[in-house]
N, C-alpha and C. Protein backbone atom coordinates (compact mmCIF):
# COMPACT_ATOMS: atom_id res chain seq x y z
N MET A 1 160.86 -152.37 81.29
CA MET A 1 161.01 -153.66 80.70
C MET A 1 161.03 -154.70 81.83
N ASN A 2 160.24 -155.77 81.60
CA ASN A 2 160.28 -156.92 82.53
C ASN A 2 161.54 -157.74 82.33
N ILE A 3 162.08 -158.28 83.38
CA ILE A 3 163.20 -159.21 83.31
C ILE A 3 162.65 -160.57 83.78
N VAL A 4 162.67 -161.54 82.87
CA VAL A 4 162.14 -162.88 83.15
C VAL A 4 163.31 -163.84 83.34
N LEU A 5 163.37 -164.45 84.51
CA LEU A 5 164.44 -165.42 84.79
C LEU A 5 163.96 -166.82 84.53
N LEU A 6 164.72 -167.57 83.77
CA LEU A 6 164.37 -168.95 83.50
C LEU A 6 165.58 -169.84 83.72
N GLY A 7 165.34 -171.09 83.91
CA GLY A 7 166.41 -172.06 84.14
C GLY A 7 165.87 -173.27 84.85
N TYR A 8 166.72 -174.24 85.05
CA TYR A 8 166.31 -175.49 85.67
C TYR A 8 165.99 -175.26 87.16
N MET A 9 165.15 -176.16 87.69
CA MET A 9 164.84 -176.06 89.12
C MET A 9 166.16 -176.08 89.91
N GLY A 10 166.21 -175.20 90.92
CA GLY A 10 167.41 -175.12 91.75
C GLY A 10 168.47 -174.22 91.23
N SER A 11 168.25 -173.58 90.08
CA SER A 11 169.28 -172.69 89.50
C SER A 11 169.34 -171.36 90.23
N GLY A 12 168.37 -171.04 91.05
CA GLY A 12 168.38 -169.82 91.82
C GLY A 12 167.46 -168.71 91.32
N LYS A 13 166.53 -169.07 90.49
CA LYS A 13 165.63 -168.06 89.90
C LYS A 13 164.91 -167.22 90.97
N SER A 14 164.36 -167.86 91.96
CA SER A 14 163.61 -167.15 92.99
C SER A 14 164.51 -166.30 93.84
N ALA A 15 165.60 -166.87 94.32
CA ALA A 15 166.51 -166.12 95.20
C ALA A 15 167.22 -164.97 94.44
N VAL A 16 167.71 -165.27 93.25
CA VAL A 16 168.38 -164.23 92.46
C VAL A 16 167.35 -163.19 92.06
N GLY A 17 166.17 -163.63 91.67
CA GLY A 17 165.13 -162.68 91.27
C GLY A 17 164.75 -161.70 92.36
N LEU A 18 164.57 -162.21 93.57
CA LEU A 18 164.24 -161.33 94.69
C LEU A 18 165.38 -160.33 94.93
N GLN A 19 166.59 -160.82 94.97
CA GLN A 19 167.73 -159.93 95.20
C GLN A 19 167.88 -158.90 94.07
N LEU A 20 167.66 -159.32 92.83
CA LEU A 20 167.72 -158.42 91.70
C LEU A 20 166.64 -157.33 91.80
N ALA A 21 165.42 -157.74 92.13
CA ALA A 21 164.33 -156.80 92.27
C ALA A 21 164.64 -155.74 93.36
N ILE A 22 165.14 -156.22 94.46
CA ILE A 22 165.51 -155.30 95.54
C ILE A 22 166.59 -154.35 95.08
N GLY A 23 167.61 -154.87 94.45
CA GLY A 23 168.74 -154.03 93.96
C GLY A 23 168.35 -153.03 92.93
N MET A 24 167.37 -153.37 92.13
CA MET A 24 166.93 -152.44 91.05
C MET A 24 165.67 -151.64 91.41
N GLY A 25 165.15 -151.87 92.63
CA GLY A 25 163.93 -151.16 93.05
C GLY A 25 162.73 -151.54 92.22
N ARG A 26 162.60 -152.80 91.89
CA ARG A 26 161.49 -153.30 91.08
C ARG A 26 160.60 -154.26 91.83
N GLU A 27 159.43 -154.48 91.28
CA GLU A 27 158.53 -155.45 91.85
C GLU A 27 159.06 -156.86 91.51
N PHE A 28 158.90 -157.81 92.43
CA PHE A 28 159.32 -159.18 92.22
C PHE A 28 158.09 -160.09 92.15
N VAL A 29 158.03 -160.92 91.11
CA VAL A 29 156.95 -161.90 90.99
C VAL A 29 157.54 -163.28 90.86
N ASP A 30 157.26 -164.15 91.79
CA ASP A 30 157.67 -165.54 91.71
C ASP A 30 156.43 -166.28 91.17
N LEU A 31 156.52 -166.76 89.92
CA LEU A 31 155.38 -167.35 89.29
C LEU A 31 154.81 -168.56 90.07
N ASP A 32 155.68 -169.40 90.60
CA ASP A 32 155.21 -170.56 91.39
C ASP A 32 154.45 -170.10 92.64
N LEU A 33 154.95 -169.11 93.31
CA LEU A 33 154.22 -168.61 94.52
C LEU A 33 152.90 -167.97 94.15
N LEU A 34 152.84 -167.26 93.02
CA LEU A 34 151.63 -166.67 92.54
C LEU A 34 150.61 -167.71 92.18
N ILE A 35 151.06 -168.79 91.55
CA ILE A 35 150.14 -169.90 91.22
C ILE A 35 149.57 -170.51 92.50
N GLU A 36 150.46 -170.73 93.48
CA GLU A 36 149.97 -171.30 94.76
C GLU A 36 148.95 -170.38 95.41
N GLU A 37 149.23 -169.09 95.39
CA GLU A 37 148.34 -168.12 95.98
C GLU A 37 146.98 -168.09 95.25
N GLN A 38 147.02 -168.05 93.94
CA GLN A 38 145.77 -167.99 93.20
C GLN A 38 144.94 -169.27 93.26
N LEU A 39 145.60 -170.42 93.32
CA LEU A 39 144.89 -171.68 93.36
C LEU A 39 144.64 -172.23 94.75
N GLY A 40 145.29 -171.61 95.75
CA GLY A 40 145.08 -171.98 97.12
C GLY A 40 145.66 -173.34 97.50
N GLN A 41 146.67 -173.80 96.75
CA GLN A 41 147.29 -175.09 97.03
C GLN A 41 148.78 -174.95 96.68
N SER A 42 149.60 -175.81 97.32
CA SER A 42 151.01 -175.85 96.98
C SER A 42 151.16 -176.47 95.58
N ILE A 43 152.31 -176.25 94.95
CA ILE A 43 152.62 -176.88 93.64
C ILE A 43 152.49 -178.40 93.76
N SER A 44 153.05 -178.96 94.82
CA SER A 44 152.97 -180.42 95.02
C SER A 44 151.51 -180.89 95.10
N GLU A 45 150.70 -180.17 95.86
CA GLU A 45 149.29 -180.55 95.98
C GLU A 45 148.57 -180.48 94.63
N ILE A 46 148.87 -179.42 93.89
CA ILE A 46 148.21 -179.28 92.57
C ILE A 46 148.58 -180.44 91.68
N PHE A 47 149.90 -180.80 91.65
CA PHE A 47 150.33 -181.95 90.83
C PHE A 47 149.64 -183.23 91.31
N ASP A 48 149.61 -183.43 92.64
CA ASP A 48 149.02 -184.66 93.20
C ASP A 48 147.54 -184.76 92.97
N LEU A 49 146.82 -183.66 93.16
CA LEU A 49 145.37 -183.72 93.15
C LEU A 49 144.76 -183.50 91.76
N LYS A 50 145.43 -182.69 90.95
CA LYS A 50 144.82 -182.33 89.66
C LYS A 50 145.67 -182.70 88.46
N GLY A 51 146.93 -183.07 88.69
CA GLY A 51 147.79 -183.55 87.63
C GLY A 51 148.59 -182.46 86.95
N ALA A 52 149.59 -182.93 86.19
CA ALA A 52 150.54 -182.03 85.52
C ALA A 52 149.88 -181.19 84.41
N VAL A 53 148.94 -181.81 83.66
CA VAL A 53 148.28 -181.07 82.56
C VAL A 53 147.51 -179.89 83.10
N TYR A 54 146.76 -180.09 84.17
CA TYR A 54 146.00 -179.00 84.79
C TYR A 54 146.94 -177.92 85.27
N PHE A 55 148.04 -178.33 85.95
CA PHE A 55 149.00 -177.36 86.44
C PHE A 55 149.57 -176.54 85.30
N ARG A 56 150.03 -177.18 84.24
CA ARG A 56 150.66 -176.46 83.11
C ARG A 56 149.68 -175.52 82.45
N LYS A 57 148.45 -175.88 82.37
CA LYS A 57 147.41 -174.99 81.77
C LYS A 57 147.25 -173.75 82.63
N LYS A 58 147.14 -173.92 83.91
CA LYS A 58 146.98 -172.79 84.85
C LYS A 58 148.26 -171.93 84.83
N GLU A 59 149.41 -172.61 84.82
CA GLU A 59 150.68 -171.89 84.77
C GLU A 59 150.73 -170.96 83.57
N SER A 60 150.35 -171.45 82.41
CA SER A 60 150.35 -170.64 81.18
C SER A 60 149.41 -169.49 81.28
N GLU A 61 148.22 -169.71 81.83
CA GLU A 61 147.22 -168.64 81.97
C GLU A 61 147.76 -167.53 82.91
N ILE A 62 148.32 -167.95 84.02
CA ILE A 62 148.83 -166.96 84.99
C ILE A 62 150.04 -166.25 84.45
N LEU A 63 150.91 -166.92 83.71
CA LEU A 63 152.07 -166.30 83.08
C LEU A 63 151.60 -165.18 82.15
N ARG A 64 150.61 -165.45 81.32
CA ARG A 64 150.09 -164.46 80.40
C ARG A 64 149.52 -163.25 81.15
N GLU A 65 148.78 -163.53 82.20
CA GLU A 65 148.22 -162.45 83.02
C GLU A 65 149.36 -161.55 83.55
N VAL A 66 150.42 -162.19 84.06
CA VAL A 66 151.54 -161.43 84.65
C VAL A 66 152.20 -160.60 83.56
N LEU A 67 152.52 -161.20 82.43
CA LEU A 67 153.24 -160.47 81.38
C LEU A 67 152.38 -159.36 80.77
N ASN A 68 151.06 -159.50 80.80
CA ASN A 68 150.19 -158.47 80.28
C ASN A 68 149.97 -157.33 81.28
N SER A 69 150.13 -157.61 82.55
CA SER A 69 149.81 -156.60 83.57
C SER A 69 151.04 -155.94 84.20
N LYS A 70 152.19 -156.51 84.01
CA LYS A 70 153.39 -155.94 84.65
C LYS A 70 154.27 -155.22 83.65
N ASN A 71 154.96 -154.19 84.16
CA ASN A 71 155.95 -153.50 83.35
C ASN A 71 157.05 -153.09 84.31
N GLY A 72 158.24 -153.59 84.09
CA GLY A 72 159.38 -153.23 84.95
C GLY A 72 159.53 -154.19 86.10
N ALA A 73 158.93 -155.35 86.04
CA ALA A 73 159.04 -156.33 87.13
C ALA A 73 160.15 -157.32 86.86
N VAL A 74 160.60 -157.96 87.90
CA VAL A 74 161.48 -159.13 87.81
C VAL A 74 160.59 -160.35 88.04
N ILE A 75 160.56 -161.26 87.09
CA ILE A 75 159.67 -162.41 87.15
C ILE A 75 160.49 -163.70 87.15
N ALA A 76 160.34 -164.51 88.19
CA ALA A 76 161.02 -165.79 88.25
C ALA A 76 160.05 -166.86 87.82
N LEU A 77 160.35 -167.59 86.75
CA LEU A 77 159.51 -168.67 86.24
C LEU A 77 159.81 -169.95 87.00
N GLY A 78 158.86 -170.90 86.90
CA GLY A 78 159.16 -172.25 87.32
C GLY A 78 160.09 -172.89 86.31
N GLY A 79 160.82 -173.91 86.72
CA GLY A 79 161.76 -174.56 85.81
C GLY A 79 161.15 -175.09 84.53
N GLY A 80 159.91 -175.54 84.59
CA GLY A 80 159.26 -176.08 83.44
C GLY A 80 158.48 -175.10 82.61
N THR A 81 158.26 -173.92 83.14
CA THR A 81 157.39 -172.93 82.48
C THR A 81 157.75 -172.72 80.99
N PRO A 82 159.02 -172.43 80.65
CA PRO A 82 159.29 -172.16 79.22
C PRO A 82 159.24 -173.40 78.32
N ILE A 83 159.20 -174.59 78.94
CA ILE A 83 159.22 -175.84 78.22
C ILE A 83 157.90 -176.18 77.59
N TYR A 84 156.81 -175.86 78.27
CA TYR A 84 155.51 -176.32 77.92
C TYR A 84 154.72 -175.35 77.08
N GLY A 85 153.94 -175.92 76.14
CA GLY A 85 153.09 -175.13 75.26
C GLY A 85 153.91 -174.12 74.49
N ASP A 86 153.36 -172.94 74.34
CA ASP A 86 154.05 -171.88 73.60
C ASP A 86 154.50 -170.79 74.58
N ASN A 87 154.78 -171.16 75.81
CA ASN A 87 155.18 -170.17 76.82
C ASN A 87 156.43 -169.38 76.42
N LEU A 88 157.46 -170.08 75.97
CA LEU A 88 158.70 -169.39 75.61
C LEU A 88 158.48 -168.45 74.42
N LYS A 89 157.76 -168.90 73.44
CA LYS A 89 157.45 -168.04 72.29
C LYS A 89 156.72 -166.81 72.76
N TRP A 90 155.78 -167.00 73.68
CA TRP A 90 154.98 -165.88 74.17
C TRP A 90 155.86 -164.90 74.96
N ILE A 91 156.79 -165.40 75.73
CA ILE A 91 157.73 -164.55 76.48
C ILE A 91 158.57 -163.76 75.50
N LYS A 92 159.15 -164.47 74.52
CA LYS A 92 160.06 -163.84 73.58
C LYS A 92 159.36 -162.84 72.66
N ASP A 93 158.08 -163.02 72.40
CA ASP A 93 157.33 -162.11 71.56
C ASP A 93 156.90 -160.83 72.26
N LYS A 94 156.95 -160.81 73.58
CA LYS A 94 156.57 -159.63 74.34
C LYS A 94 157.66 -158.58 74.19
N LYS A 95 157.28 -157.39 73.73
CA LYS A 95 158.23 -156.32 73.45
C LYS A 95 158.91 -155.79 74.70
N ASN A 96 158.22 -155.82 75.82
CA ASN A 96 158.77 -155.25 77.05
C ASN A 96 159.41 -156.29 77.96
N THR A 97 159.91 -157.37 77.37
CA THR A 97 160.40 -158.49 78.18
C THR A 97 161.79 -158.93 77.73
N LEU A 98 162.67 -159.08 78.69
CA LEU A 98 164.02 -159.62 78.40
C LEU A 98 164.13 -160.91 79.20
N SER A 99 164.41 -162.03 78.50
CA SER A 99 164.55 -163.33 79.17
C SER A 99 166.01 -163.60 79.46
N VAL A 100 166.26 -164.13 80.66
CA VAL A 100 167.64 -164.40 81.10
C VAL A 100 167.67 -165.83 81.64
N TYR A 101 168.55 -166.64 81.04
CA TYR A 101 168.75 -168.04 81.46
C TYR A 101 169.82 -168.11 82.53
N LEU A 102 169.48 -168.55 83.71
CA LEU A 102 170.43 -168.77 84.79
C LEU A 102 170.95 -170.19 84.63
N LYS A 103 172.12 -170.31 84.07
CA LYS A 103 172.73 -171.60 83.77
C LYS A 103 173.59 -172.03 84.95
N ILE A 104 173.51 -173.29 85.28
CA ILE A 104 174.29 -173.79 86.43
C ILE A 104 174.86 -175.18 86.08
N ALA A 105 176.04 -175.45 86.51
CA ALA A 105 176.70 -176.75 86.26
C ALA A 105 175.98 -177.83 87.05
N ILE A 106 176.12 -179.05 86.58
CA ILE A 106 175.43 -180.20 87.13
C ILE A 106 175.79 -180.42 88.62
N GLU A 107 177.08 -180.37 88.98
CA GLU A 107 177.51 -180.71 90.32
C GLU A 107 176.86 -179.83 91.38
N PRO A 108 176.99 -178.49 91.28
CA PRO A 108 176.33 -177.67 92.32
C PRO A 108 174.81 -177.77 92.27
N LEU A 109 174.28 -177.97 91.08
CA LEU A 109 172.83 -178.11 90.95
C LEU A 109 172.33 -179.36 91.68
N VAL A 110 172.98 -180.47 91.48
CA VAL A 110 172.57 -181.73 92.13
C VAL A 110 172.70 -181.58 93.66
N GLN A 111 173.77 -180.93 94.15
CA GLN A 111 173.91 -180.73 95.60
C GLN A 111 172.76 -179.92 96.18
N ARG A 112 172.38 -178.85 95.48
CA ARG A 112 171.26 -178.03 95.94
C ARG A 112 169.97 -178.82 95.97
N LEU A 113 169.74 -179.55 94.85
CA LEU A 113 168.47 -180.27 94.73
C LEU A 113 168.36 -181.43 95.69
N TRP A 114 169.50 -182.04 96.03
CA TRP A 114 169.48 -183.16 96.98
C TRP A 114 168.87 -182.73 98.30
N VAL A 115 169.27 -181.56 98.76
CA VAL A 115 168.80 -181.03 100.03
C VAL A 115 167.31 -180.65 99.93
N GLU A 116 166.88 -180.19 98.77
CA GLU A 116 165.51 -179.66 98.61
C GLU A 116 164.55 -180.65 97.97
N ARG A 117 164.98 -181.89 97.68
CA ARG A 117 164.21 -182.79 96.84
C ARG A 117 162.81 -183.08 97.34
N HIS A 118 162.60 -183.10 98.65
CA HIS A 118 161.29 -183.48 99.17
C HIS A 118 160.23 -182.37 98.92
N ASN A 119 160.69 -181.18 98.57
CA ASN A 119 159.76 -180.07 98.26
C ASN A 119 159.54 -179.88 96.77
N ARG A 120 160.11 -180.77 95.96
CA ARG A 120 160.01 -180.62 94.51
C ARG A 120 159.35 -181.88 93.91
N PRO A 121 158.15 -181.73 93.39
CA PRO A 121 157.39 -182.90 92.86
C PRO A 121 158.14 -183.78 91.88
N LEU A 122 158.91 -183.21 91.00
CA LEU A 122 159.59 -184.00 89.97
C LEU A 122 160.68 -184.95 90.54
N ILE A 123 161.24 -184.59 91.70
CA ILE A 123 162.33 -185.38 92.21
C ILE A 123 162.11 -185.89 93.64
N ALA A 124 160.92 -185.69 94.16
CA ALA A 124 160.65 -186.07 95.56
C ALA A 124 160.85 -187.55 95.82
N GLY A 125 160.63 -188.39 94.84
CA GLY A 125 160.76 -189.84 95.05
C GLY A 125 162.15 -190.41 94.80
N ILE A 126 163.09 -189.57 94.41
CA ILE A 126 164.44 -190.05 94.13
C ILE A 126 165.19 -190.25 95.44
N SER A 127 165.78 -191.47 95.59
CA SER A 127 166.32 -191.85 96.90
C SER A 127 167.83 -191.91 96.96
N SER A 128 168.54 -191.64 95.88
CA SER A 128 170.01 -191.65 95.98
C SER A 128 170.58 -190.46 95.20
N LEU A 129 171.72 -190.01 95.63
CA LEU A 129 172.39 -188.90 94.97
C LEU A 129 172.72 -189.26 93.51
N GLU A 130 173.13 -190.51 93.30
CA GLU A 130 173.47 -190.95 91.94
C GLU A 130 172.23 -190.95 91.04
N ALA A 131 171.13 -191.41 91.53
CA ALA A 131 169.90 -191.41 90.73
C ALA A 131 169.42 -189.96 90.43
N LEU A 132 169.60 -189.08 91.40
CA LEU A 132 169.26 -187.68 91.18
C LEU A 132 170.15 -187.09 90.10
N GLU A 133 171.44 -187.35 90.16
CA GLU A 133 172.34 -186.81 89.16
C GLU A 133 171.98 -187.34 87.75
N GLU A 134 171.67 -188.58 87.67
CA GLU A 134 171.28 -189.15 86.36
C GLU A 134 169.99 -188.49 85.84
N PHE A 135 169.02 -188.33 86.74
CA PHE A 135 167.77 -187.67 86.35
C PHE A 135 168.01 -186.26 85.88
N VAL A 136 168.80 -185.49 86.65
CA VAL A 136 169.04 -184.10 86.31
C VAL A 136 169.80 -183.98 84.98
N ARG A 137 170.81 -184.81 84.79
CA ARG A 137 171.56 -184.78 83.53
C ARG A 137 170.64 -185.01 82.31
N LYS A 138 169.81 -186.02 82.40
CA LYS A 138 168.91 -186.35 81.31
C LYS A 138 167.89 -185.23 81.10
N HIS A 139 167.28 -184.79 82.19
CA HIS A 139 166.25 -183.75 82.12
C HIS A 139 166.82 -182.43 81.61
N LEU A 140 167.97 -182.07 82.11
CA LEU A 140 168.61 -180.81 81.69
C LEU A 140 169.03 -180.88 80.21
N PHE A 141 169.50 -182.05 79.80
CA PHE A 141 169.85 -182.25 78.39
C PHE A 141 168.61 -182.00 77.50
N GLU A 142 167.48 -182.52 77.92
CA GLU A 142 166.22 -182.37 77.16
C GLU A 142 165.77 -180.90 77.12
N ARG A 143 165.99 -180.17 78.19
CA ARG A 143 165.48 -178.81 78.30
C ARG A 143 166.47 -177.74 77.85
N ALA A 144 167.73 -178.07 77.77
CA ALA A 144 168.76 -177.05 77.47
C ALA A 144 168.47 -176.27 76.21
N TYR A 145 167.99 -176.94 75.16
CA TYR A 145 167.73 -176.28 73.92
C TYR A 145 166.75 -175.13 74.10
N VAL A 146 165.74 -175.35 74.92
CA VAL A 146 164.72 -174.32 75.16
C VAL A 146 165.34 -173.18 75.99
N TYR A 147 166.00 -173.55 77.09
CA TYR A 147 166.60 -172.51 77.95
C TYR A 147 167.55 -171.64 77.17
N GLN A 148 168.34 -172.23 76.28
CA GLN A 148 169.34 -171.47 75.54
C GLN A 148 168.76 -170.49 74.53
N GLN A 149 167.45 -170.51 74.36
CA GLN A 149 166.81 -169.53 73.48
C GLN A 149 166.50 -168.21 74.20
N ALA A 150 166.85 -168.14 75.48
CA ALA A 150 166.66 -166.88 76.22
C ALA A 150 167.51 -165.77 75.58
N ASP A 151 167.10 -164.55 75.81
CA ASP A 151 167.84 -163.41 75.22
C ASP A 151 169.27 -163.34 75.74
N LEU A 152 169.45 -163.68 77.01
CA LEU A 152 170.78 -163.64 77.65
C LEU A 152 171.00 -164.88 78.46
N GLN A 153 172.24 -165.26 78.63
CA GLN A 153 172.60 -166.38 79.53
C GLN A 153 173.67 -165.96 80.50
N ILE A 154 173.52 -166.38 81.74
CA ILE A 154 174.51 -166.10 82.75
C ILE A 154 174.83 -167.40 83.49
N ASP A 155 176.09 -167.76 83.58
CA ASP A 155 176.49 -168.94 84.33
C ASP A 155 176.60 -168.55 85.80
N VAL A 156 175.74 -169.14 86.62
CA VAL A 156 175.70 -168.80 88.04
C VAL A 156 176.32 -169.88 88.90
N SER A 157 177.00 -170.85 88.28
CA SER A 157 177.57 -171.99 88.99
C SER A 157 178.43 -171.61 90.17
N ASP A 158 179.26 -170.60 90.02
CA ASP A 158 180.18 -170.23 91.06
C ASP A 158 179.88 -168.88 91.70
N LEU A 159 178.63 -168.42 91.52
CA LEU A 159 178.24 -167.12 92.04
C LEU A 159 177.32 -167.27 93.23
N SER A 160 177.47 -166.34 94.19
CA SER A 160 176.49 -166.27 95.27
C SER A 160 175.21 -165.65 94.70
N VAL A 161 174.16 -165.65 95.46
CA VAL A 161 172.89 -165.02 95.06
C VAL A 161 173.13 -163.56 94.73
N GLU A 162 173.88 -162.86 95.58
CA GLU A 162 174.13 -161.43 95.40
C GLU A 162 174.95 -161.20 94.13
N GLN A 163 175.97 -162.02 93.92
CA GLN A 163 176.82 -161.88 92.72
C GLN A 163 176.02 -162.14 91.45
N ALA A 164 175.17 -163.17 91.49
CA ALA A 164 174.34 -163.50 90.32
C ALA A 164 173.36 -162.38 90.00
N ALA A 165 172.74 -161.80 91.04
CA ALA A 165 171.80 -160.69 90.83
C ALA A 165 172.54 -159.47 90.26
N LEU A 166 173.70 -159.21 90.74
CA LEU A 166 174.49 -158.07 90.23
C LEU A 166 174.90 -158.33 88.78
N ALA A 167 175.26 -159.58 88.44
CA ALA A 167 175.63 -159.92 87.07
C ALA A 167 174.45 -159.71 86.12
N VAL A 168 173.27 -160.12 86.53
CA VAL A 168 172.06 -159.92 85.70
C VAL A 168 171.82 -158.42 85.56
N GLN A 169 171.91 -157.68 86.66
CA GLN A 169 171.66 -156.22 86.62
C GLN A 169 172.64 -155.55 85.68
N ASN A 170 173.91 -155.90 85.77
CA ASN A 170 174.92 -155.27 84.93
C ASN A 170 174.70 -155.57 83.45
N ILE A 171 174.40 -156.81 83.16
CA ILE A 171 174.16 -157.18 81.74
C ILE A 171 172.88 -156.48 81.24
N PHE A 172 171.84 -156.43 82.05
CA PHE A 172 170.61 -155.77 81.65
C PHE A 172 170.91 -154.27 81.35
N GLN A 173 171.63 -153.63 82.27
CA GLN A 173 171.92 -152.19 82.08
C GLN A 173 172.77 -151.97 80.81
N LYS A 174 173.73 -152.86 80.53
CA LYS A 174 174.48 -152.72 79.30
C LYS A 174 173.59 -152.91 78.07
N GLU A 175 172.72 -153.88 78.12
CA GLU A 175 171.77 -154.13 77.03
C GLU A 175 170.87 -152.91 76.79
N GLN A 176 170.52 -152.22 77.84
CA GLN A 176 169.64 -151.07 77.75
C GLN A 176 170.39 -149.77 77.50
N GLY A 177 171.73 -149.84 77.46
CA GLY A 177 172.52 -148.67 77.23
C GLY A 177 172.60 -147.72 78.43
N ILE A 178 172.33 -148.29 79.62
CA ILE A 178 172.38 -147.48 80.84
C ILE A 178 173.78 -147.29 81.32
N ILE A 179 174.63 -148.30 81.16
CA ILE A 179 176.03 -148.17 81.55
C ILE A 179 176.92 -148.54 80.39
């Protein structure tokens, strides 16, 4: 069964996903990195040169390819992946896929994103911590309904990457009747 991690940008999907894959002896797929590899451009370049609609279309195509070709992988989605089109429905309809929402409180999320903002197209132009917090609160409010449709939710606000990966692994194993 594939484990698909979803959540807002900065929630730790890539870091937790890699740690989880290592801990469970599984393949790790970072959807954003795969998109960059297949299209030969960074996410920022794709947004700048070809626009959000083009990016979201390619993201959906590559997501479907991954879910159709992988079994037993840990897959980290981009923050917007489940929001657009019918991506979430497609994920949830896959029989061999368990979706996990990595939920994080606003304060630690904003602190993480402030440091990384120049590498993230949606927030690269935000110039104050207060403006970033306002943006994240509004954006997360709009997206929370979709994220909360995941099969499982884990609050990672106070967890290290290793603790979060172990929490996902434990919940997955309980769901599968392994422990």
